[in-house]
Amino acid sequence: MSTRSNVLTAAQCRAGRAMVECSAQQLSESSGVDLQAIVDFEARYRRPDPETKRRLRIALEHAGVTFIAENGGGGGAGVRLKFNSRDVRAIDRWEAEGGTAGEDYIS
């Protein structure tokens, strides 16, 4: 899991919700953050305080989102799904069925 911090952009919040098929209402309920605060943040009307961003990020991480930090090589900040333990077991089983296993590194 990524480091839990308060670094979260509006685009990461929107993308993370989309990846885990979570409505703004569901995120509000799981994070304890007011629904209108989420809507305003994602629309870039208002920047939430660091504690609110932390709570949103933790709720999205708990739902399966991994946050990718912006790097100095030109790669911007982003999100991706993390694998759950059931998926890892399935991948291990598929890779054990023969053939050359591919690289797991995602750039």
N, C-alpha and C. Protein backbone atom coordinates (compact mmCIF):
# COMPACT_ATOMS: atom_id res chain seq x y z
N MET A 1 0.85 -1.17 0.00
CA MET A 1 0.00 0.00 0.00
C MET A 1 0.89 1.22 0.00
N SER A 2 0.41 2.23 -0.68
CA SER A 2 1.20 3.45 -0.74
C SER A 2 1.23 4.13 0.62
N THR A 3 2.16 5.03 0.75
CA THR A 3 2.25 5.78 1.98
C THR A 3 1.01 6.62 2.15
N ARG A 4 0.40 6.53 3.30
CA ARG A 4 -0.81 7.31 3.53
C ARG A 4 -0.41 8.73 3.87
N SER A 5 -0.80 9.62 3.00
CA SER A 5 -0.50 11.02 3.23
C SER A 5 -1.71 11.84 2.80
N ASN A 6 -1.58 13.12 2.85
CA ASN A 6 -2.69 13.97 2.45
C ASN A 6 -2.53 14.47 1.02
N VAL A 7 -1.56 13.91 0.27
CA VAL A 7 -1.36 14.32 -1.11
C VAL A 7 -2.42 13.61 -1.95
N LEU A 8 -3.31 14.40 -2.52
CA LEU A 8 -4.40 13.87 -3.34
C LEU A 8 -4.88 15.00 -4.23
N THR A 9 -4.92 14.75 -5.53
CA THR A 9 -5.43 15.76 -6.44
C THR A 9 -6.90 15.45 -6.77
N ALA A 10 -7.58 16.44 -7.30
CA ALA A 10 -8.97 16.24 -7.70
C ALA A 10 -9.06 15.15 -8.77
N ALA A 11 -8.12 15.16 -9.72
CA ALA A 11 -8.12 14.15 -10.78
C ALA A 11 -7.88 12.75 -10.21
N GLN A 12 -6.98 12.61 -9.24
CA GLN A 12 -6.74 11.31 -8.61
C GLN A 12 -7.99 10.82 -7.89
N CYS A 13 -8.68 11.72 -7.24
CA CYS A 13 -9.90 11.35 -6.52
C CYS A 13 -10.95 10.84 -7.50
N ARG A 14 -11.17 11.58 -8.58
CA ARG A 14 -12.16 11.17 -9.59
C ARG A 14 -11.76 9.83 -10.22
N ALA A 15 -10.49 9.71 -10.60
CA ALA A 15 -10.02 8.49 -11.26
C ALA A 15 -10.08 7.30 -10.31
N GLY A 16 -9.69 7.51 -9.07
CA GLY A 16 -9.74 6.42 -8.09
C GLY A 16 -11.15 5.93 -7.87
N ARG A 17 -12.08 6.85 -7.76
CA ARG A 17 -13.49 6.45 -7.59
C ARG A 17 -13.97 5.65 -8.79
N ALA A 18 -13.60 6.11 -9.99
CA ALA A 18 -14.02 5.41 -11.21
C ALA A 18 -13.44 4.00 -11.27
N MET A 19 -12.20 3.86 -10.87
CA MET A 19 -11.54 2.54 -10.94
C MET A 19 -12.19 1.51 -10.03
N VAL A 20 -12.65 1.95 -8.88
CA VAL A 20 -13.27 1.00 -7.95
C VAL A 20 -14.79 1.08 -7.97
N GLU A 21 -15.31 1.81 -8.98
CA GLU A 21 -16.76 1.95 -9.17
C GLU A 21 -17.47 2.39 -7.90
N CYS A 22 -16.96 3.49 -7.37
CA CYS A 22 -17.46 4.05 -6.11
C CYS A 22 -18.09 5.41 -6.40
N SER A 23 -19.33 5.59 -6.01
CA SER A 23 -19.98 6.89 -6.21
C SER A 23 -19.44 7.89 -5.19
N ALA A 24 -19.68 9.15 -5.46
CA ALA A 24 -19.28 10.19 -4.50
C ALA A 24 -20.00 9.96 -3.18
N GLN A 25 -21.25 9.52 -3.23
CA GLN A 25 -22.01 9.24 -2.02
C GLN A 25 -21.36 8.11 -1.21
N GLN A 26 -20.95 7.04 -1.90
CA GLN A 26 -20.29 5.93 -1.21
C GLN A 26 -18.97 6.37 -0.59
N LEU A 27 -18.21 7.20 -1.32
CA LEU A 27 -16.95 7.71 -0.77
C LEU A 27 -17.22 8.59 0.44
N SER A 28 -18.27 9.38 0.38
CA SER A 28 -18.65 10.22 1.52
C SER A 28 -18.92 9.35 2.75
N GLU A 29 -19.67 8.29 2.55
CA GLU A 29 -20.01 7.40 3.67
C GLU A 29 -18.79 6.67 4.22
N SER A 30 -17.90 6.20 3.34
CA SER A 30 -16.74 5.44 3.81
C SER A 30 -15.65 6.31 4.41
N SER A 31 -15.59 7.58 4.00
CA SER A 31 -14.54 8.47 4.49
C SER A 31 -15.00 9.39 5.62
N GLY A 32 -16.31 9.56 5.74
CA GLY A 32 -16.83 10.50 6.73
C GLY A 32 -16.70 11.95 6.28
N VAL A 33 -16.48 12.15 4.99
CA VAL A 33 -16.35 13.50 4.44
C VAL A 33 -17.69 13.87 3.80
N ASP A 34 -18.12 15.11 4.02
CA ASP A 34 -19.38 15.60 3.48
C ASP A 34 -19.41 15.44 1.96
N LEU A 35 -20.54 14.96 1.43
CA LEU A 35 -20.70 14.74 0.00
C LEU A 35 -20.41 16.00 -0.81
N GLN A 36 -20.93 17.14 -0.37
CA GLN A 36 -20.70 18.38 -1.13
C GLN A 36 -19.23 18.77 -1.15
N ALA A 37 -18.49 18.46 -0.09
CA ALA A 37 -17.05 18.74 -0.07
C ALA A 37 -16.33 17.91 -1.13
N ILE A 38 -16.76 16.66 -1.33
CA ILE A 38 -16.16 15.80 -2.36
C ILE A 38 -16.49 16.34 -3.74
N VAL A 39 -17.75 16.66 -3.96
CA VAL A 39 -18.19 17.20 -5.26
C VAL A 39 -17.43 18.49 -5.58
N ASP A 40 -17.32 19.39 -4.62
CA ASP A 40 -16.60 20.64 -4.83
C ASP A 40 -15.12 20.41 -5.11
N PHE A 41 -14.50 19.48 -4.38
CA PHE A 41 -13.09 19.17 -4.57
C PHE A 41 -12.85 18.62 -5.98
N GLU A 42 -13.65 17.63 -6.37
CA GLU A 42 -13.46 17.00 -7.67
C GLU A 42 -13.73 17.97 -8.82
N ALA A 43 -14.61 18.93 -8.62
CA ALA A 43 -14.90 19.94 -9.64
C ALA A 43 -13.91 21.11 -9.57
N ARG A 44 -13.01 21.05 -8.61
CA ARG A 44 -11.99 22.08 -8.38
C ARG A 44 -12.57 23.42 -7.96
N TYR A 45 -13.73 23.37 -7.32
CA TYR A 45 -14.32 24.60 -6.79
C TYR A 45 -13.67 24.99 -5.48
N ARG A 46 -13.26 23.99 -4.73
CA ARG A 46 -12.73 24.25 -3.40
C ARG A 46 -11.65 23.22 -3.08
N ARG A 47 -10.57 23.66 -2.46
CA ARG A 47 -9.49 22.76 -2.04
C ARG A 47 -9.72 22.39 -0.58
N PRO A 48 -9.88 21.08 -0.30
CA PRO A 48 -10.12 20.69 1.09
C PRO A 48 -8.87 20.79 1.95
N ASP A 49 -9.08 20.80 3.26
CA ASP A 49 -7.95 20.85 4.19
C ASP A 49 -7.21 19.50 4.16
N PRO A 50 -5.97 19.46 4.64
CA PRO A 50 -5.17 18.24 4.60
C PRO A 50 -5.83 17.03 5.28
N GLU A 51 -6.53 17.22 6.37
CA GLU A 51 -7.19 16.10 7.05
C GLU A 51 -8.29 15.49 6.18
N THR A 52 -9.04 16.31 5.49
CA THR A 52 -10.08 15.82 4.59
C THR A 52 -9.47 15.02 3.45
N LYS A 53 -8.41 15.54 2.85
CA LYS A 53 -7.73 14.82 1.77
C LYS A 53 -7.16 13.49 2.27
N ARG A 54 -6.65 13.48 3.49
CA ARG A 54 -6.12 12.24 4.06
C ARG A 54 -7.23 11.20 4.21
N ARG A 55 -8.38 11.63 4.71
CA ARG A 55 -9.51 10.71 4.91
C ARG A 55 -10.02 10.16 3.57
N LEU A 56 -10.07 11.00 2.56
CA LEU A 56 -10.49 10.54 1.23
C LEU A 56 -9.50 9.52 0.68
N ARG A 57 -8.23 9.84 0.81
CA ARG A 57 -7.19 8.94 0.29
C ARG A 57 -7.22 7.60 0.99
N ILE A 58 -7.36 7.59 2.30
CA ILE A 58 -7.40 6.33 3.06
C ILE A 58 -8.61 5.49 2.62
N ALA A 59 -9.76 6.14 2.46
CA ALA A 59 -10.96 5.41 2.03
C ALA A 59 -10.76 4.81 0.64
N LEU A 60 -10.16 5.56 -0.28
CA LEU A 60 -9.91 5.03 -1.61
C LEU A 60 -8.88 3.91 -1.59
N GLU A 61 -7.84 4.04 -0.78
CA GLU A 61 -6.86 2.97 -0.65
C GLU A 61 -7.50 1.71 -0.11
N HIS A 62 -8.38 1.87 0.86
CA HIS A 62 -9.07 0.72 1.44
C HIS A 62 -9.94 0.02 0.39
N ALA A 63 -10.47 0.80 -0.57
CA ALA A 63 -11.30 0.24 -1.63
C ALA A 63 -10.49 -0.43 -2.74
N GLY A 64 -9.16 -0.24 -2.72
CA GLY A 64 -8.31 -0.92 -3.70
C GLY A 64 -7.53 -0.03 -4.63
N VAL A 65 -7.47 1.26 -4.34
CA VAL A 65 -6.72 2.20 -5.18
C VAL A 65 -5.31 2.34 -4.63
N THR A 66 -4.35 2.34 -5.52
CA THR A 66 -2.96 2.64 -5.17
C THR A 66 -2.61 3.96 -5.84
N PHE A 67 -2.01 4.86 -5.09
CA PHE A 67 -1.64 6.16 -5.63
C PHE A 67 -0.20 6.14 -6.11
N ILE A 68 0.02 6.76 -7.25
CA ILE A 68 1.35 6.82 -7.86
C ILE A 68 1.81 8.27 -7.76
N ALA A 69 2.97 8.45 -7.15
CA ALA A 69 3.51 9.80 -6.97
C ALA A 69 4.07 10.32 -8.28
N GLU A 70 4.05 11.62 -8.42
CA GLU A 70 4.69 12.26 -9.57
C GLU A 70 6.18 12.05 -9.45
N ASN A 71 6.82 11.71 -10.56
CA ASN A 71 8.27 11.51 -10.50
C ASN A 71 8.99 12.57 -11.31
N GLY A 72 10.26 12.70 -11.08
CA GLY A 72 11.06 13.72 -11.75
C GLY A 72 11.31 13.45 -13.21
N GLY A 73 11.02 12.24 -13.67
CA GLY A 73 11.28 11.88 -15.06
C GLY A 73 10.16 12.24 -16.01
N GLY A 74 9.23 13.04 -15.57
CA GLY A 74 8.15 13.46 -16.44
C GLY A 74 6.86 12.69 -16.25
N GLY A 75 6.89 11.65 -15.41
CA GLY A 75 5.67 10.90 -15.15
C GLY A 75 4.82 11.60 -14.12
N GLY A 76 3.60 11.88 -14.47
CA GLY A 76 2.72 12.59 -13.55
C GLY A 76 2.13 11.67 -12.50
N ALA A 77 1.50 12.28 -11.52
CA ALA A 77 0.83 11.54 -10.46
C ALA A 77 -0.35 10.80 -11.07
N GLY A 78 -0.70 9.66 -10.46
CA GLY A 78 -1.81 8.89 -10.99
C GLY A 78 -2.35 7.91 -9.98
N VAL A 79 -3.16 6.99 -10.46
CA VAL A 79 -3.75 5.94 -9.64
C VAL A 79 -3.75 4.64 -10.42
N ARG A 80 -3.80 3.54 -9.71
CA ARG A 80 -3.99 2.23 -10.32
C ARG A 80 -4.63 1.33 -9.29
N LEU A 81 -5.12 0.19 -9.73
CA LEU A 81 -5.71 -0.78 -8.82
C LEU A 81 -4.62 -1.65 -8.23
N LYS A 82 -4.77 -2.00 -6.99
CA LYS A 82 -3.85 -2.96 -6.39
C LYS A 82 -4.51 -4.33 -6.46
N PHE A 83 -3.72 -5.36 -6.43
CA PHE A 83 -4.24 -6.72 -6.45
C PHE A 83 -4.64 -7.13 -5.05
N ASN A 84 -5.77 -7.82 -4.92
CA ASN A 84 -6.11 -8.39 -3.62
C ASN A 84 -5.52 -9.79 -3.54
N SER A 85 -5.57 -10.41 -2.38
CA SER A 85 -4.91 -11.71 -2.18
C SER A 85 -5.50 -12.79 -3.08
N ARG A 86 -6.80 -12.75 -3.34
CA ARG A 86 -7.41 -13.74 -4.24
C ARG A 86 -6.84 -13.60 -5.65
N ASP A 87 -6.68 -12.37 -6.11
CA ASP A 87 -6.11 -12.14 -7.43
C ASP A 87 -4.67 -12.62 -7.51
N VAL A 88 -3.90 -12.38 -6.46
CA VAL A 88 -2.50 -12.82 -6.44
C VAL A 88 -2.42 -14.34 -6.55
N ARG A 89 -3.27 -15.06 -5.80
CA ARG A 89 -3.28 -16.53 -5.88
C ARG A 89 -3.65 -16.99 -7.29
N ALA A 90 -4.62 -16.33 -7.90
CA ALA A 90 -5.02 -16.70 -9.26
C ALA A 90 -3.89 -16.45 -10.25
N ILE A 91 -3.19 -15.33 -10.12
CA ILE A 91 -2.07 -15.03 -11.01
C ILE A 91 -0.97 -16.06 -10.83
N ASP A 92 -0.65 -16.41 -9.57
CA ASP A 92 0.36 -17.43 -9.31
C ASP A 92 -0.03 -18.76 -9.97
N ARG A 93 -1.29 -19.10 -9.88
CA ARG A 93 -1.76 -20.36 -10.47
C ARG A 93 -1.64 -20.31 -11.98
N TRP A 94 -2.02 -19.18 -12.59
CA TRP A 94 -1.94 -19.05 -14.04
C TRP A 94 -0.49 -19.11 -14.51
N GLU A 95 0.40 -18.43 -13.79
CA GLU A 95 1.81 -18.43 -14.20
C GLU A 95 2.46 -19.78 -14.01
N ALA A 96 1.95 -20.60 -13.08
CA ALA A 96 2.51 -21.93 -12.84
C ALA A 96 2.04 -22.94 -13.88
N GLU A 97 1.12 -22.55 -14.74
CA GLU A 97 0.59 -23.48 -15.73
C GLU A 97 1.52 -23.70 -16.91
N GLY A 98 2.62 -23.02 -16.93
CA GLY A 98 3.60 -23.22 -18.00
C GLY A 98 3.86 -21.95 -18.76
N GLY A 99 4.89 -22.01 -19.54
CA GLY A 99 5.26 -20.84 -20.33
C GLY A 99 6.13 -19.90 -19.54
N THR A 100 6.56 -18.89 -20.21
CA THR A 100 7.42 -17.89 -19.59
C THR A 100 6.56 -16.85 -18.91
N ALA A 101 6.86 -16.61 -17.64
CA ALA A 101 6.13 -15.57 -16.90
C ALA A 101 6.63 -14.21 -17.36
N GLY A 102 5.71 -13.30 -17.53
CA GLY A 102 6.07 -11.94 -17.96
C GLY A 102 6.51 -11.11 -16.79
N GLU A 103 7.06 -9.96 -17.12
CA GLU A 103 7.46 -9.02 -16.08
C GLU A 103 6.22 -8.43 -15.42
N ASP A 104 6.26 -8.27 -14.12
CA ASP A 104 5.15 -7.68 -13.38
C ASP A 104 5.33 -6.19 -13.21
N TYR A 105 6.45 -5.66 -13.62
CA TYR A 105 6.73 -4.24 -13.43
C TYR A 105 5.82 -3.42 -14.34
N ILE A 106 5.15 -2.44 -13.75
CA ILE A 106 4.30 -1.53 -14.50
C ILE A 106 4.92 -0.15 -14.43
N SER A 107 5.24 0.40 -15.57
CA SER A 107 5.86 1.73 -15.56
C SER A 107 4.86 2.81 -15.68
